[in-house]
Amino acid sequence: MEPRFLLLSDVATELNVSDSQVYHMVRSGELPAIKIGGRGQWRVERARLEEYIQRKYAETAEWVRGNPLAERDPE
């Protein structure tokens, strides 16, 4: 069974980005997370990570629709 909550380093591994990039996404509110424990360690719920990924797919698809590839000149 997969854990419900992930460390920021686990999220970074899942997204293939750096720990600092994930920290920035969390601190900016782009990726929902919670602080737990006496030291206030960040955790990201797996379901929120999956929602984030789906949202990014939708945003990317919208961007692609608005920015089609330029036609190449025949050589």
N, C-alpha and C. Protein backbone atom coordinates (compact mmCIF):
# COMPACT_ATOMS: atom_id res chain seq x y z
N MET A 1 0.84 -1.17 0.00
CA MET A 1 0.00 0.00 0.00
C MET A 1 0.89 1.25 0.00
N GLU A 2 0.58 2.18 -0.86
CA GLU A 2 1.35 3.42 -0.95
C GLU A 2 0.98 4.34 0.20
N PRO A 3 1.95 5.11 0.70
CA PRO A 3 1.62 6.05 1.77
C PRO A 3 0.71 7.16 1.29
N ARG A 4 -0.13 7.64 2.18
CA ARG A 4 -1.06 8.73 1.83
C ARG A 4 -0.30 10.04 1.64
N PHE A 5 0.71 10.30 2.49
CA PHE A 5 1.45 11.55 2.44
C PHE A 5 2.88 11.30 1.99
N LEU A 6 3.40 12.25 1.22
CA LEU A 6 4.74 12.14 0.66
C LEU A 6 5.63 13.25 1.20
N LEU A 7 6.90 12.94 1.38
CA LEU A 7 7.90 13.96 1.67
C LEU A 7 8.11 14.80 0.42
N LEU A 8 8.60 16.02 0.59
CA LEU A 8 8.88 16.84 -0.58
C LEU A 8 9.91 16.17 -1.48
N SER A 9 10.85 15.45 -0.90
CA SER A 9 11.85 14.75 -1.71
C SER A 9 11.20 13.63 -2.53
N ASP A 10 10.17 13.00 -1.98
CA ASP A 10 9.44 11.97 -2.74
C ASP A 10 8.70 12.60 -3.92
N VAL A 11 8.10 13.76 -3.68
CA VAL A 11 7.40 14.48 -4.74
C VAL A 11 8.39 14.88 -5.83
N ALA A 12 9.57 15.35 -5.42
CA ALA A 12 10.60 15.74 -6.38
C ALA A 12 10.99 14.55 -7.25
N THR A 13 11.12 13.39 -6.65
CA THR A 13 11.46 12.19 -7.40
C THR A 13 10.34 11.84 -8.38
N GLU A 14 9.10 11.91 -7.92
CA GLU A 14 7.95 11.59 -8.78
C GLU A 14 7.89 12.51 -9.99
N LEU A 15 8.18 13.80 -9.78
CA LEU A 15 8.07 14.79 -10.86
C LEU A 15 9.39 14.97 -11.61
N ASN A 16 10.45 14.32 -11.14
CA ASN A 16 11.78 14.43 -11.75
C ASN A 16 12.26 15.89 -11.78
N VAL A 17 12.11 16.55 -10.63
CA VAL A 17 12.58 17.92 -10.45
C VAL A 17 13.38 17.97 -9.15
N SER A 18 13.95 19.12 -8.84
CA SER A 18 14.74 19.24 -7.62
C SER A 18 13.84 19.44 -6.39
N ASP A 19 14.41 19.15 -5.23
CA ASP A 19 13.70 19.37 -3.97
C ASP A 19 13.33 20.85 -3.84
N SER A 20 14.25 21.74 -4.24
CA SER A 20 13.98 23.18 -4.10
C SER A 20 12.84 23.63 -5.00
N GLN A 21 12.69 23.00 -6.17
CA GLN A 21 11.57 23.34 -7.05
C GLN A 21 10.25 22.96 -6.39
N VAL A 22 10.21 21.79 -5.77
CA VAL A 22 8.99 21.36 -5.08
C VAL A 22 8.70 22.28 -3.90
N TYR A 23 9.72 22.64 -3.15
CA TYR A 23 9.54 23.56 -2.02
C TYR A 23 8.94 24.87 -2.51
N HIS A 24 9.43 25.39 -3.62
CA HIS A 24 8.89 26.63 -4.17
C HIS A 24 7.43 26.45 -4.59
N MET A 25 7.09 25.33 -5.22
CA MET A 25 5.70 25.07 -5.63
C MET A 25 4.78 25.03 -4.41
N VAL A 26 5.26 24.44 -3.32
CA VAL A 26 4.47 24.36 -2.09
C VAL A 26 4.33 25.73 -1.46
N ARG A 27 5.43 26.46 -1.31
CA ARG A 27 5.40 27.77 -0.65
C ARG A 27 4.59 28.79 -1.44
N SER A 28 4.57 28.65 -2.76
CA SER A 28 3.81 29.59 -3.59
C SER A 28 2.32 29.24 -3.63
N GLY A 29 1.97 28.05 -3.14
CA GLY A 29 0.58 27.62 -3.17
C GLY A 29 0.20 26.87 -4.44
N GLU A 30 1.14 26.71 -5.34
CA GLU A 30 0.86 25.99 -6.59
C GLU A 30 0.53 24.53 -6.33
N LEU A 31 1.23 23.93 -5.36
CA LEU A 31 1.02 22.53 -5.00
C LEU A 31 0.56 22.49 -3.54
N PRO A 32 -0.68 22.07 -3.29
CA PRO A 32 -1.18 22.03 -1.91
C PRO A 32 -0.38 21.07 -1.04
N ALA A 33 -0.09 21.51 0.18
CA ALA A 33 0.65 20.69 1.14
C ALA A 33 0.26 21.11 2.55
N ILE A 34 0.68 20.31 3.51
CA ILE A 34 0.43 20.62 4.92
C ILE A 34 1.75 20.57 5.67
N LYS A 35 1.79 21.31 6.79
CA LYS A 35 2.93 21.25 7.71
C LYS A 35 2.49 20.44 8.92
N ILE A 36 3.31 19.47 9.30
CA ILE A 36 2.95 18.64 10.45
C ILE A 36 4.15 18.51 11.38
N GLY A 37 3.86 18.11 12.59
CA GLY A 37 4.91 17.87 13.56
C GLY A 37 5.44 19.14 14.19
N GLY A 38 6.22 18.96 15.25
CA GLY A 38 6.77 20.08 15.99
C GLY A 38 7.73 20.92 15.17
N ARG A 39 8.38 20.32 14.19
CA ARG A 39 9.33 21.05 13.35
C ARG A 39 8.69 21.56 12.07
N GLY A 40 7.40 21.33 11.90
CA GLY A 40 6.68 21.84 10.75
C GLY A 40 7.18 21.30 9.43
N GLN A 41 7.28 19.99 9.34
CA GLN A 41 7.75 19.37 8.10
C GLN A 41 6.61 19.31 7.09
N TRP A 42 6.93 19.60 5.85
CA TRP A 42 5.94 19.61 4.78
C TRP A 42 5.62 18.19 4.33
N ARG A 43 4.32 17.98 4.03
CA ARG A 43 3.87 16.73 3.44
C ARG A 43 2.85 17.05 2.35
N VAL A 44 2.90 16.28 1.28
CA VAL A 44 1.97 16.43 0.17
C VAL A 44 1.13 15.16 0.09
N GLU A 45 -0.16 15.32 0.13
CA GLU A 45 -1.04 14.16 0.02
C GLU A 45 -0.99 13.64 -1.41
N ARG A 46 -0.85 12.33 -1.54
CA ARG A 46 -0.73 11.71 -2.87
C ARG A 46 -1.87 12.13 -3.80
N ALA A 47 -3.09 12.20 -3.27
CA ALA A 47 -4.24 12.60 -4.09
C ALA A 47 -4.06 14.02 -4.62
N ARG A 48 -3.50 14.92 -3.79
CA ARG A 48 -3.27 16.30 -4.24
C ARG A 48 -2.19 16.35 -5.32
N LEU A 49 -1.19 15.49 -5.19
CA LEU A 49 -0.15 15.42 -6.22
C LEU A 49 -0.74 14.96 -7.54
N GLU A 50 -1.60 13.95 -7.50
CA GLU A 50 -2.23 13.47 -8.73
C GLU A 50 -3.12 14.54 -9.35
N GLU A 51 -3.84 15.29 -8.51
CA GLU A 51 -4.66 16.40 -9.01
C GLU A 51 -3.79 17.47 -9.66
N TYR A 52 -2.65 17.76 -9.03
CA TYR A 52 -1.71 18.73 -9.57
C TYR A 52 -1.21 18.29 -10.95
N ILE A 53 -0.86 17.02 -11.07
CA ILE A 53 -0.37 16.49 -12.35
C ILE A 53 -1.45 16.61 -13.41
N GLN A 54 -2.68 16.26 -13.09
CA GLN A 54 -3.77 16.37 -14.06
C GLN A 54 -4.01 17.82 -14.46
N ARG A 55 -3.92 18.72 -13.49
CA ARG A 55 -4.08 20.15 -13.78
C ARG A 55 -2.98 20.62 -14.73
N LYS A 56 -1.77 20.16 -14.53
CA LYS A 56 -0.65 20.54 -15.40
C LYS A 56 -0.84 19.97 -16.81
N TYR A 57 -1.38 18.76 -16.93
CA TYR A 57 -1.69 18.21 -18.26
C TYR A 57 -2.71 19.10 -18.97
N ALA A 58 -3.75 19.53 -18.25
CA ALA A 58 -4.78 20.39 -18.84
C ALA A 58 -4.19 21.74 -19.25
N GLU A 59 -3.37 22.33 -18.38
CA GLU A 59 -2.74 23.61 -18.71
C GLU A 59 -1.82 23.48 -19.92
N THR A 60 -1.08 22.39 -19.98
CA THR A 60 -0.18 22.17 -21.12
C THR A 60 -0.96 21.99 -22.41
N ALA A 61 -2.05 21.23 -22.35
CA ALA A 61 -2.87 21.02 -23.54
C ALA A 61 -3.45 22.34 -24.03
N GLU A 62 -3.89 23.20 -23.11
CA GLU A 62 -4.41 24.52 -23.46
C GLU A 62 -3.31 25.36 -24.11
N TRP A 63 -2.12 25.32 -23.55
CA TRP A 63 -1.00 26.07 -24.11
C TRP A 63 -0.67 25.58 -25.52
N VAL A 64 -0.67 24.27 -25.72
CA VAL A 64 -0.37 23.70 -27.05
C VAL A 64 -1.41 24.15 -28.07
N ARG A 65 -2.69 24.14 -27.66
CA ARG A 65 -3.74 24.60 -28.57
C ARG A 65 -3.53 26.06 -28.97
N GLY A 66 -3.06 26.87 -28.05
CA GLY A 66 -2.86 28.28 -28.33
C GLY A 66 -1.54 28.61 -29.00
N ASN A 67 -0.65 27.63 -29.07
CA ASN A 67 0.69 27.84 -29.65
C ASN A 67 1.03 26.70 -30.60
N PRO A 68 0.33 26.62 -31.73
CA PRO A 68 0.60 25.51 -32.65
C PRO A 68 2.00 25.61 -33.25
N LEU A 69 2.49 24.49 -33.68
CA LEU A 69 3.79 24.46 -34.35
C LEU A 69 3.71 25.24 -35.65
N ALA A 70 4.75 25.99 -35.94
CA ALA A 70 4.80 26.72 -37.21
C ALA A 70 5.06 25.74 -38.33
N GLU A 71 4.44 26.00 -39.45
CA GLU A 71 4.64 25.14 -40.62
C GLU A 71 6.07 25.29 -41.11
N ARG A 72 6.69 24.19 -41.45
CA ARG A 72 8.05 24.23 -41.99
C ARG A 72 8.02 24.56 -43.48
N ASP A 73 9.02 25.28 -43.92
CA ASP A 73 9.17 25.52 -45.35
C ASP A 73 9.67 24.26 -46.01
N PRO A 74 9.09 23.90 -47.17
CA PRO A 74 9.60 22.70 -47.86
C PRO A 74 11.04 22.95 -48.31
N GLU A 75 11.85 21.91 -48.19
CA GLU A 75 13.26 22.06 -48.57
C GLU A 75 13.52 21.62 -49.97
